[in-house]
Amino acid sequence: MAGKKTQAQLTPEEKLQQALVPEAEQPYKVPANWCWTYLKNVSDCLDNFRKPINANERNARLGDVPYYGATGQVGWIDDYLTNEELVLLGEDGAPFLDLLKNKAYLINGKAWVNNHAHILRSKFGTMGNRLLIEYLNSFDFTGFVTGTTRLKLTQASMNKIIIPLVPLAEQQRIVERIESLFAKLDEAKENMQNVLEGFETRKAAILHKAFTGELTAKWRKQHGVSMDTWEEKKLGDVTDILSSKRIYKNEYVNEGIPFFRSSEIVDLYEYGYTEPKFFISKDRYDEINKKYGVPEVGDLLVTSVGTIGKTWIVDERKFYYKDGNITQVKKNSSINMKYLNYFICSENFKKQVSDTVAGTAYNALTIIKLISIPTLPEQTEIVRIIDGLLAKEQQANELSENALAKIDLIKKAILARAFRGELGTNNPADEPAIELLKRVL
């Protein structure tokens, strides 16, 4: 009985049949002049070209030639594999199952690749390399990688990856269309990132105008009020600045009244929510409340160590707080606590802290002057204007964040359409891809 033919013994027609993916195994339909084949048939794997080099030798041979691993450039050595353009695909440790992260990269110039990445070279030149990268970065590697904490793509599994083979002229058209669409998305992404990065700058500008009287200039004119009504006062002369009574570690309990430290106030400042990690008993809370009092609704808490100046206006919840970590500012009928809250969040406050005191926010709040406190009606108007302006800024931020999160999804959708022949670039008159496959087998 004759044995199985070797690859060299196969006829051209037999080789072609082996190279084509059976119709039942094709994941989706492609244009009639395309064909489905395997990655090994359209690219050369150059893994065996890798030169062994140990860590000590690599460190001793630092130079100006890139050294690549599974996730791209990771160091430098004075060695190289080749100076031609190549495709680098992660072998292990790459984010194979995250469809929004890249697994393949283009390298150009002298490079040495370690054994954590596969080296591929398209059989169809530069455009083939670029198209191959886009396909691999959109490919679902589920079922092709092994391992749990560190996924691995073996060469045997990589050879089983199927890929739609595209006519040469269409390869260039697809790459050009992808690059054009991606360039527009990248420009939009940059604009959105600029909006997000500029939020704090715009917020600081709004608050600066608020505490120099600029925001309410029109309001003062309408109400016949002048800047002379603004007064410079130390906060300690306007309201009481307090600290808590000491709570010792042996007083912590597993559940009861939440006990806030700076981190909880920072959470409330940033997110409006916190998950307390420490508690004191209700009896201890009641004892402190009876003897000394506890924070009331409308009081202002300010972080005093670490990240100084994060604020939270007390709501209905019961809690107590750590002495030294948090400063309590009592509500007072002569000052709008939201006005004060905004002031402490402003650069005006931060500059005075850095210029006049090093240490806790308690000291800062006691010493620092609130530059020109206006009348209560004007404080209320300032708060109203700031609320409105920051709400618009926050809305713009949220829109940018949502759009930013969608850009990578849009890119993946573009790639999905590209490899289905749905970008409107395919020309049925192009030489069928199967003829291209015959020439490279």
Protein backbone atom coordinates (compact mmCIF):
# COMPACT_ATOMS: atom_id res chain seq x y z
CA MET A 1 0.00 0.00 0.00
CA ALA A 2 1.44 3.32 -1.08
CA GLY A 3 2.28 5.76 1.70
CA LYS A 4 1.12 9.33 1.98
CA LYS A 5 2.72 11.64 -0.57
CA THR A 6 5.31 14.11 0.63
CA GLN A 7 4.86 17.79 -0.19
CA ALA A 8 7.46 17.48 -2.95
CA GLN A 9 5.55 14.60 -4.52
CA LEU A 10 2.27 16.51 -4.78
CA THR A 11 1.13 17.82 -8.12
CA PRO A 12 0.44 21.55 -8.47
CA GLU A 13 -3.29 20.83 -8.42
CA GLU A 14 -2.96 18.74 -5.25
CA LYS A 15 -0.92 21.48 -3.58
CA LEU A 16 -3.59 24.02 -4.47
CA GLN A 17 -6.36 21.86 -3.04
CA GLN A 18 -4.41 21.49 0.23
CA ALA A 19 -3.81 25.24 0.35
CA LEU A 20 -7.48 26.17 -0.04
CA VAL A 21 -9.75 26.19 3.01
CA PRO A 22 -12.74 23.88 2.53
CA GLU A 23 -15.95 25.82 2.05
CA ALA A 24 -17.48 24.31 5.20
CA GLU A 25 -14.59 25.75 7.27
CA GLN A 26 -14.71 29.25 5.81
CA PRO A 27 -16.01 31.69 8.46
CA TYR A 28 -17.77 34.02 5.99
CA LYS A 29 -18.22 34.73 2.30
CA VAL A 30 -15.68 36.86 0.45
CA PRO A 31 -15.80 38.32 -3.08
CA ALA A 32 -15.69 35.77 -5.89
CA ASN A 33 -12.17 36.75 -6.97
CA TRP A 34 -10.79 36.24 -3.44
CA CYS A 35 -10.03 32.87 -1.83
CA TRP A 36 -9.52 31.44 1.64
CA THR A 37 -6.14 29.92 2.45
CA TYR A 38 -3.80 29.42 5.42
CA LEU A 39 -1.38 31.94 6.91
CA LYS A 40 1.60 29.67 6.15
CA ASN A 41 0.81 29.88 2.42
CA VAL A 42 0.86 33.69 2.16
CA SER A 43 3.77 34.47 4.50
CA ASP A 44 7.19 33.08 5.33
CA CYS A 45 7.91 32.31 8.98
CA LEU A 46 11.46 33.41 9.80
CA ASP A 47 11.56 32.18 13.41
CA ASN A 48 14.59 30.01 12.67
CA PHE A 49 16.58 33.10 11.71
CA ARG A 50 16.68 34.26 15.31
CA LYS A 51 20.18 34.39 16.76
CA PRO A 52 20.54 33.26 20.38
CA ILE A 53 21.80 35.93 22.71
CA ASN A 54 21.83 35.83 26.50
CA ALA A 55 20.91 38.63 28.86
CA ASN A 56 24.49 39.33 29.96
CA GLU A 57 25.73 39.57 26.40
CA ARG A 58 22.78 41.76 25.43
CA ASN A 59 23.43 44.18 28.28
CA ALA A 60 27.11 44.38 27.37
CA ARG A 61 26.37 45.22 23.74
CA LEU A 62 24.11 48.24 24.03
CA GLY A 63 23.86 50.11 20.77
CA ASP A 64 21.48 51.93 18.47
CA VAL A 65 19.72 48.96 16.92
CA PRO A 66 16.20 48.04 18.11
CA TYR A 67 15.56 44.82 20.01
CA TYR A 68 12.02 43.50 19.75
CA GLY A 69 9.84 41.16 21.78
CA ALA A 70 6.17 40.14 21.81
CA THR A 71 4.85 43.65 22.49
CA GLY A 72 7.17 45.67 20.27
CA GLN A 73 10.35 47.52 21.11
CA VAL A 74 11.55 46.67 24.62
CA GLY A 75 15.27 47.44 24.68
CA TRP A 76 18.39 47.95 22.60
CA ILE A 77 21.20 45.70 21.35
CA ASP A 78 23.88 46.03 18.71
CA ASP A 79 22.76 43.10 16.63
CA TYR A 80 20.31 42.47 13.82
CA LEU A 81 18.47 39.79 11.94
CA THR A 82 17.74 41.61 8.71
CA ASN A 83 17.22 45.11 7.42
CA GLU A 84 14.01 44.35 5.57
CA GLU A 85 10.43 45.09 6.58
CA LEU A 86 8.93 42.32 8.70
CA VAL A 87 5.77 41.51 10.61
CA LEU A 88 6.16 40.73 14.30
CA LEU A 89 3.43 38.59 15.90
CA GLY A 90 3.37 37.74 19.59
CA GLU A 91 4.29 34.19 20.46
CA ASP A 92 3.56 34.31 24.18
CA GLY A 93 2.47 36.99 26.58
CA ALA A 94 0.62 39.03 23.93
CA PRO A 95 -3.02 40.12 24.59
CA PHE A 96 -4.36 37.49 22.17
CA LEU A 97 -7.94 37.45 23.45
CA ASP A 98 -8.41 41.23 23.63
CA LEU A 99 -9.78 42.23 20.24
CA LEU A 100 -9.09 45.91 20.95
CA LYS A 101 -5.35 45.43 21.48
CA ASN A 102 -2.73 44.83 18.83
CA LYS A 103 -0.88 41.56 18.62
CA ALA A 104 1.13 42.27 15.46
CA TYR A 105 3.55 45.08 14.61
CA LEU A 106 5.54 46.22 11.60
CA ILE A 107 9.31 46.48 12.04
CA ASN A 108 11.58 48.14 9.54
CA GLY A 109 15.36 48.33 9.65
CA LYS A 110 17.95 46.27 11.50
CA ALA A 111 16.32 44.24 14.24
CA TRP A 112 16.89 41.19 16.38
CA VAL A 113 13.80 39.42 17.68
CA ASN A 114 13.71 37.29 20.81
CA ASN A 115 11.88 33.99 21.17
CA HIS A 116 8.70 35.60 22.49
CA ALA A 117 7.58 36.68 19.03
CA HIS A 118 7.06 35.12 15.62
CA ILE A 119 8.69 36.76 12.59
CA LEU A 120 6.60 36.82 9.42
CA ARG A 121 7.18 38.18 5.94
CA SER A 122 4.34 38.43 3.45
CA LYS A 123 4.99 36.82 0.10
CA PHE A 124 3.41 39.88 -1.51
CA GLY A 125 5.78 42.65 -0.45
CA THR A 126 5.11 45.84 1.49
CA MET A 127 1.36 45.99 0.91
CA GLY A 128 1.10 42.34 1.83
CA ASN A 129 2.88 43.02 5.13
CA ARG A 130 0.59 45.92 5.97
CA LEU A 131 -2.54 43.98 5.12
CA LEU A 132 -1.26 41.00 7.11
CA ILE A 133 -0.79 43.17 10.22
CA GLU A 134 -4.32 44.56 9.98
CA TYR A 135 -5.75 41.08 9.57
CA LEU A 136 -3.82 39.62 12.51
CA ASN A 137 -4.84 42.54 14.73
CA SER A 138 -8.50 41.93 13.91
CA PHE A 139 -8.25 38.13 14.18
CA ASP A 140 -9.89 36.21 17.01
CA PHE A 141 -7.18 33.92 18.40
CA THR A 142 -9.61 31.96 20.57
CA GLY A 143 -8.88 28.28 20.02
CA PHE A 144 -5.43 28.99 18.59
CA VAL A 145 -3.61 29.88 21.82
CA THR A 146 -2.91 27.74 24.85
CA GLY A 147 -2.20 28.50 28.50
CA THR A 148 -3.99 30.43 31.23
CA THR A 149 -2.02 33.26 32.82
CA ARG A 150 0.41 33.52 29.88
CA LEU A 151 -1.12 32.64 26.53
CA LYS A 152 1.08 31.07 23.86
CA LEU A 153 0.69 30.84 20.09
CA THR A 154 2.77 27.94 18.81
CA GLN A 155 4.07 27.81 15.26
CA ALA A 156 1.88 24.76 14.61
CA SER A 157 -1.24 26.66 15.72
CA MET A 158 -0.18 29.73 13.76
CA ASN A 159 0.06 27.61 10.60
CA LYS A 160 -3.62 26.70 10.99
CA ILE A 161 -4.79 30.33 10.95
CA ILE A 162 -6.94 30.93 7.90
CA ILE A 163 -6.84 34.18 5.96
CA PRO A 164 -8.69 35.61 2.95
CA LEU A 165 -6.25 36.05 0.06
CA VAL A 166 -6.90 39.28 -1.81
CA PRO A 167 -5.84 40.15 -5.40
CA LEU A 168 -2.64 42.24 -5.47
CA ALA A 169 -4.27 45.43 -6.77
CA GLU A 170 -7.05 45.13 -4.18
CA GLN A 171 -4.48 44.69 -1.40
CA GLN A 172 -3.16 48.17 -2.12
CA ARG A 173 -6.62 49.68 -2.40
CA ILE A 174 -7.67 48.16 0.94
CA VAL A 175 -4.52 49.35 2.72
CA GLU A 176 -4.95 52.87 1.34
CA ARG A 177 -8.62 52.96 2.37
CA ILE A 178 -7.86 51.66 5.86
CA GLU A 179 -5.03 54.18 6.34
CA SER A 180 -7.27 57.02 5.13
CA LEU A 181 -10.13 56.08 7.47
CA PHE A 182 -7.80 55.45 10.40
CA ALA A 183 -6.10 58.83 9.88
CA LYS A 184 -9.47 60.57 10.26
CA LEU A 185 -10.27 58.54 13.36
CA ASP A 186 -6.86 59.30 14.86
CA GLU A 187 -7.42 63.01 14.26
CA ALA A 188 -10.80 62.78 15.98
CA LYS A 189 -9.18 60.83 18.82
CA GLU A 190 -6.55 63.50 19.28
CA ASN A 191 -9.22 66.21 19.41
CA MET A 192 -11.17 64.27 22.03
CA GLN A 193 -8.06 63.69 24.11
CA ASN A 194 -7.35 67.41 23.94
CA VAL A 195 -10.84 68.09 25.31
CA LEU A 196 -10.25 65.68 28.19
CA GLU A 197 -6.74 66.91 28.93
CA GLY A 198 -7.90 70.53 28.86
CA PHE A 199 -10.73 70.02 31.35
CA GLU A 200 -8.68 70.88 34.44
CA THR A 201 -7.19 73.92 32.69
CA ARG A 202 -10.62 75.21 31.71
CA LYS A 203 -11.98 74.49 35.20
CA ALA A 204 -9.07 76.41 36.74
CA ALA A 205 -9.77 79.37 34.43
CA ILE A 206 -13.45 79.40 35.43
CA LEU A 207 -12.59 79.35 39.13
CA HIS A 208 -9.97 82.07 38.71
CA LYS A 209 -12.55 84.35 37.10
CA ALA A 210 -14.98 83.52 39.91
CA PHE A 211 -12.64 84.57 42.71
CA THR A 212 -11.42 87.72 41.01
CA GLY A 213 -14.97 88.97 40.46
CA GLU A 214 -14.95 88.59 36.68
CA LEU A 215 -17.76 86.03 36.51
CA THR A 216 -20.23 88.29 38.28
CA ALA A 217 -19.24 91.68 36.80
CA LYS A 218 -22.54 91.85 34.89
CA TRP A 219 -24.52 90.77 37.96
CA ARG A 220 -22.95 93.50 40.12
CA LYS A 221 -23.77 96.12 37.50
CA GLN A 222 -27.40 94.94 37.35
CA HIS A 223 -27.70 95.04 41.15
CA GLY A 224 -25.75 98.22 41.77
CA VAL A 225 -23.02 96.40 43.71
CA SER A 226 -19.34 97.31 43.54
CA MET A 227 -16.16 95.33 44.18
CA ASP A 228 -15.80 97.35 47.37
CA THR A 229 -18.26 94.93 48.96
CA TRP A 230 -15.67 92.16 48.69
CA GLU A 231 -13.67 91.68 51.90
CA GLU A 232 -10.38 89.93 52.58
CA LYS A 233 -10.70 87.68 55.60
CA LYS A 234 -8.99 84.72 57.17
CA LEU A 235 -11.25 81.71 57.00
CA GLY A 236 -10.70 81.13 60.71
CA ASP A 237 -12.29 84.52 61.37
CA VAL A 238 -15.37 83.61 59.32
CA THR A 239 -16.14 80.13 60.63
CA ASP A 240 -14.80 77.38 62.87
CA ILE A 241 -12.08 75.05 61.64
CA LEU A 242 -12.08 71.75 63.54
CA SER A 243 -10.38 68.40 63.81
CA SER A 244 -11.80 65.16 65.12
CA LYS A 245 -11.19 63.37 68.39
CA ARG A 246 -8.64 60.59 68.19
CA ILE A 247 -9.83 57.09 67.39
CA TYR A 248 -7.39 54.29 68.21
CA LYS A 249 -6.92 51.10 66.21
CA ASN A 250 -8.29 48.97 69.02
CA GLU A 251 -11.58 50.88 68.66
CA TYR A 252 -12.16 49.66 65.09
CA VAL A 253 -15.00 47.18 64.62
CA ASN A 254 -16.08 44.98 61.71
CA GLU A 255 -19.27 46.93 61.10
CA GLY A 256 -20.95 50.00 62.45
CA ILE A 257 -20.44 53.71 61.74
CA PRO A 258 -18.10 54.35 58.74
CA PHE A 259 -14.75 55.84 59.67
CA PHE A 260 -13.35 58.06 56.88
CA ARG A 261 -9.71 58.73 56.12
CA SER A 262 -8.29 60.93 53.35
CA SER A 263 -8.80 58.15 50.77
CA GLU A 264 -12.56 58.06 51.39
CA ILE A 265 -12.83 61.85 51.01
CA VAL A 266 -10.82 61.66 47.78
CA ASP A 267 -13.29 59.01 46.52
CA LEU A 268 -16.22 61.25 47.39
CA TYR A 269 -14.53 64.21 45.70
CA GLU A 270 -13.69 62.26 42.53
CA TYR A 271 -16.67 59.91 42.19
CA GLY A 272 -19.34 60.95 44.70
CA TYR A 273 -19.12 57.47 46.22
CA THR A 274 -16.87 55.57 48.61
CA GLU A 275 -16.69 52.09 50.08
CA PRO A 276 -15.59 52.47 53.75
CA LYS A 277 -12.95 50.02 54.99
CA PHE A 278 -13.01 50.94 58.68
CA PHE A 279 -15.80 51.34 61.24
CA ILE A 280 -16.37 52.39 64.84
CA SER A 281 -19.21 51.22 67.07
CA LYS A 282 -22.45 53.17 67.29
CA ASP A 283 -21.91 53.51 71.04
CA ARG A 284 -18.53 55.18 70.49
CA TYR A 285 -20.04 57.43 67.80
CA ASP A 286 -22.91 58.44 70.11
CA GLU A 287 -20.42 59.14 72.92
CA ILE A 288 -18.35 61.45 70.68
CA ASN A 289 -21.47 63.15 69.35
CA LYS A 290 -22.76 63.85 72.87
CA LYS A 291 -19.45 65.20 74.21
CA TYR A 292 -17.95 66.98 71.21
CA GLY A 293 -20.33 66.82 68.26
CA VAL A 294 -19.89 65.22 64.85
CA PRO A 295 -19.94 66.67 61.32
CA GLU A 296 -23.35 68.01 60.32
CA VAL A 297 -25.05 68.27 56.96
CA GLY A 298 -23.51 71.20 55.12
CA ASP A 299 -20.13 71.10 56.87
CA LEU A 300 -17.11 70.91 54.58
CA LEU A 301 -14.40 68.27 54.94
CA VAL A 302 -10.95 68.87 53.43
CA THR A 303 -8.13 66.33 53.05
CA SER A 304 -5.20 67.46 55.19
CA VAL A 305 -2.32 65.11 54.35
CA GLY A 306 -1.07 63.53 51.15
CA THR A 307 -3.34 64.98 48.53
CA ILE A 308 -4.24 68.24 50.29
CA GLY A 309 -7.37 70.15 49.34
CA LYS A 310 -9.82 67.46 48.15
CA THR A 311 -13.24 68.39 49.49
CA TRP A 312 -16.64 66.98 50.32
CA ILE A 313 -19.75 68.71 51.64
CA VAL A 314 -21.32 66.49 54.31
CA ASP A 315 -24.66 64.88 53.47
CA GLU A 316 -27.19 62.94 55.56
CA ARG A 317 -25.03 59.87 56.22
CA LYS A 318 -23.57 59.08 59.64
CA PHE A 319 -19.78 58.77 59.82
CA TYR A 320 -16.74 59.91 61.74
CA TYR A 321 -13.27 60.82 60.49
CA LYS A 322 -9.59 60.46 61.26
CA ASP A 323 -7.85 63.27 63.13
CA GLY A 324 -4.96 64.86 61.26
CA ASN A 325 -6.04 63.39 57.94
CA ILE A 326 -9.16 65.51 57.48
CA THR A 327 -10.08 69.06 58.44
CA GLN A 328 -13.67 70.01 59.20
CA VAL A 329 -15.01 73.46 58.28
CA LYS A 330 -18.28 74.27 60.03
CA LYS A 331 -21.14 75.65 57.98
CA ASN A 332 -21.84 79.29 58.77
CA SER A 333 -24.63 81.69 57.87
CA SER A 334 -22.14 84.27 56.57
CA ILE A 335 -20.64 82.09 53.87
CA ASN A 336 -22.02 79.82 51.14
CA MET A 337 -20.32 76.44 51.66
CA LYS A 338 -20.38 75.63 47.94
CA TYR A 339 -18.60 78.93 47.32
CA LEU A 340 -15.99 77.93 49.89
CA ASN A 341 -15.81 74.44 48.38
CA TYR A 342 -15.06 75.87 44.94
CA PHE A 343 -12.48 78.24 46.41
CA ILE A 344 -10.54 75.41 48.07
CA CYS A 345 -10.58 73.56 44.71
CA SER A 346 -9.15 76.62 42.93
CA GLU A 347 -5.58 77.52 42.02
CA ASN A 348 -6.01 80.59 44.24
CA PHE A 349 -6.14 78.32 47.28
CA LYS A 350 -3.39 75.97 46.06
CA LYS A 351 -1.02 78.87 45.43
CA GLN A 352 -1.56 80.27 48.89
CA VAL A 353 -0.94 76.84 50.41
CA SER A 354 2.36 76.45 48.55
CA ASP A 355 3.42 80.06 49.18
CA THR A 356 2.54 80.40 52.86
CA VAL A 357 2.55 77.06 54.61
CA ALA A 358 4.08 73.62 54.39
CA GLY A 359 2.14 71.00 56.31
CA THR A 360 -1.47 70.19 56.94
CA ALA A 361 -4.54 71.72 55.41
CA TYR A 362 -5.63 72.61 58.96
CA ASN A 363 -2.75 75.08 59.22
CA ALA A 364 -3.38 76.27 55.67
CA LEU A 365 -7.05 76.93 56.27
CA THR A 366 -6.36 78.74 59.53
CA ILE A 367 -3.73 81.08 58.07
CA ILE A 368 -4.90 81.63 54.51
CA LYS A 369 -7.11 84.55 53.56
CA LEU A 370 -10.12 84.01 51.36
CA ILE A 371 -9.28 86.66 48.78
CA SER A 372 -12.19 89.10 48.82
CA ILE A 373 -15.30 87.35 50.10
CA PRO A 374 -18.34 88.90 48.38
CA THR A 375 -21.80 89.31 49.85
CA LEU A 376 -23.93 86.20 50.28
CA PRO A 377 -26.18 87.01 47.28
CA GLU A 378 -23.10 87.36 45.07
CA GLN A 379 -21.62 84.16 46.49
CA THR A 380 -24.85 82.41 45.52
CA GLU A 381 -24.68 83.89 42.00
CA ILE A 382 -21.04 82.80 41.64
CA VAL A 383 -21.98 79.26 42.66
CA ARG A 384 -24.87 79.23 40.17
CA ILE A 385 -22.62 80.34 37.30
CA ILE A 386 -19.83 77.91 38.19
CA ASP A 387 -22.33 75.04 38.47
CA GLY A 388 -23.65 75.81 35.00
CA LEU A 389 -20.27 76.21 33.33
CA LEU A 390 -18.80 73.08 34.90
CA ALA A 391 -21.92 71.09 33.99
CA LYS A 392 -21.35 72.01 30.33
CA GLU A 393 -17.67 71.11 30.63
CA GLN A 394 -18.55 67.80 32.23
CA GLN A 395 -21.07 67.06 29.50
CA ALA A 396 -18.41 67.75 26.84
CA ASN A 397 -16.02 65.50 28.78
CA GLU A 398 -18.51 62.65 28.91
CA LEU A 399 -19.27 62.96 25.20
CA SER A 400 -15.54 62.87 24.43
CA GLU A 401 -14.97 59.89 26.73
CA ASN A 402 -17.84 57.98 25.12
CA ALA A 403 -16.64 58.79 21.62
CA LEU A 404 -13.06 57.94 22.54
CA ALA A 405 -14.15 54.54 23.83
CA LYS A 406 -15.85 53.85 20.49
CA ILE A 407 -12.94 54.73 18.21
CA ASP A 408 -11.12 51.40 18.66
CA LEU A 409 -14.43 49.62 18.10
CA ILE A 410 -14.97 51.60 14.90
CA LYS A 411 -11.47 50.63 13.73
CA LYS A 412 -12.19 46.95 14.35
CA ALA A 413 -15.49 47.30 12.47
CA ILE A 414 -13.62 48.85 9.53
CA LEU A 415 -11.16 45.95 9.50
CA ALA A 416 -14.01 43.44 9.66
CA ARG A 417 -15.57 45.06 6.59
CA ALA A 418 -12.19 45.26 4.86
CA PHE A 419 -11.63 41.52 5.06
CA ARG A 420 -15.13 40.82 3.82
CA GLY A 421 -14.61 42.97 0.74
CA GLU A 422 -17.16 45.53 1.95
CA LEU A 423 -15.12 48.76 1.70
CA GLY A 424 -16.28 49.38 -1.87
CA THR A 425 -12.80 48.94 -3.34
CA ASN A 426 -13.00 45.49 -4.89
CA ASN A 427 -12.74 45.24 -8.68
CA PRO A 428 -14.17 41.95 -10.08
CA ALA A 429 -11.91 42.40 -13.12
CA ASP A 430 -8.74 41.94 -11.00
CA GLU A 431 -6.81 38.73 -11.50
CA PRO A 432 -8.38 36.14 -9.15
CA ALA A 433 -6.46 35.60 -5.94
CA ILE A 434 -6.34 31.87 -6.61
CA GLU A 435 -3.91 32.58 -9.46
CA LEU A 436 -1.75 34.51 -6.99
CA LEU A 437 -1.87 31.52 -4.63
CA LYS A 438 -0.77 29.14 -7.39
CA ARG A 439 2.35 31.24 -8.02
CA VAL A 440 3.55 31.20 -4.41
CA LEU A 441 2.92 27.53 -3.60
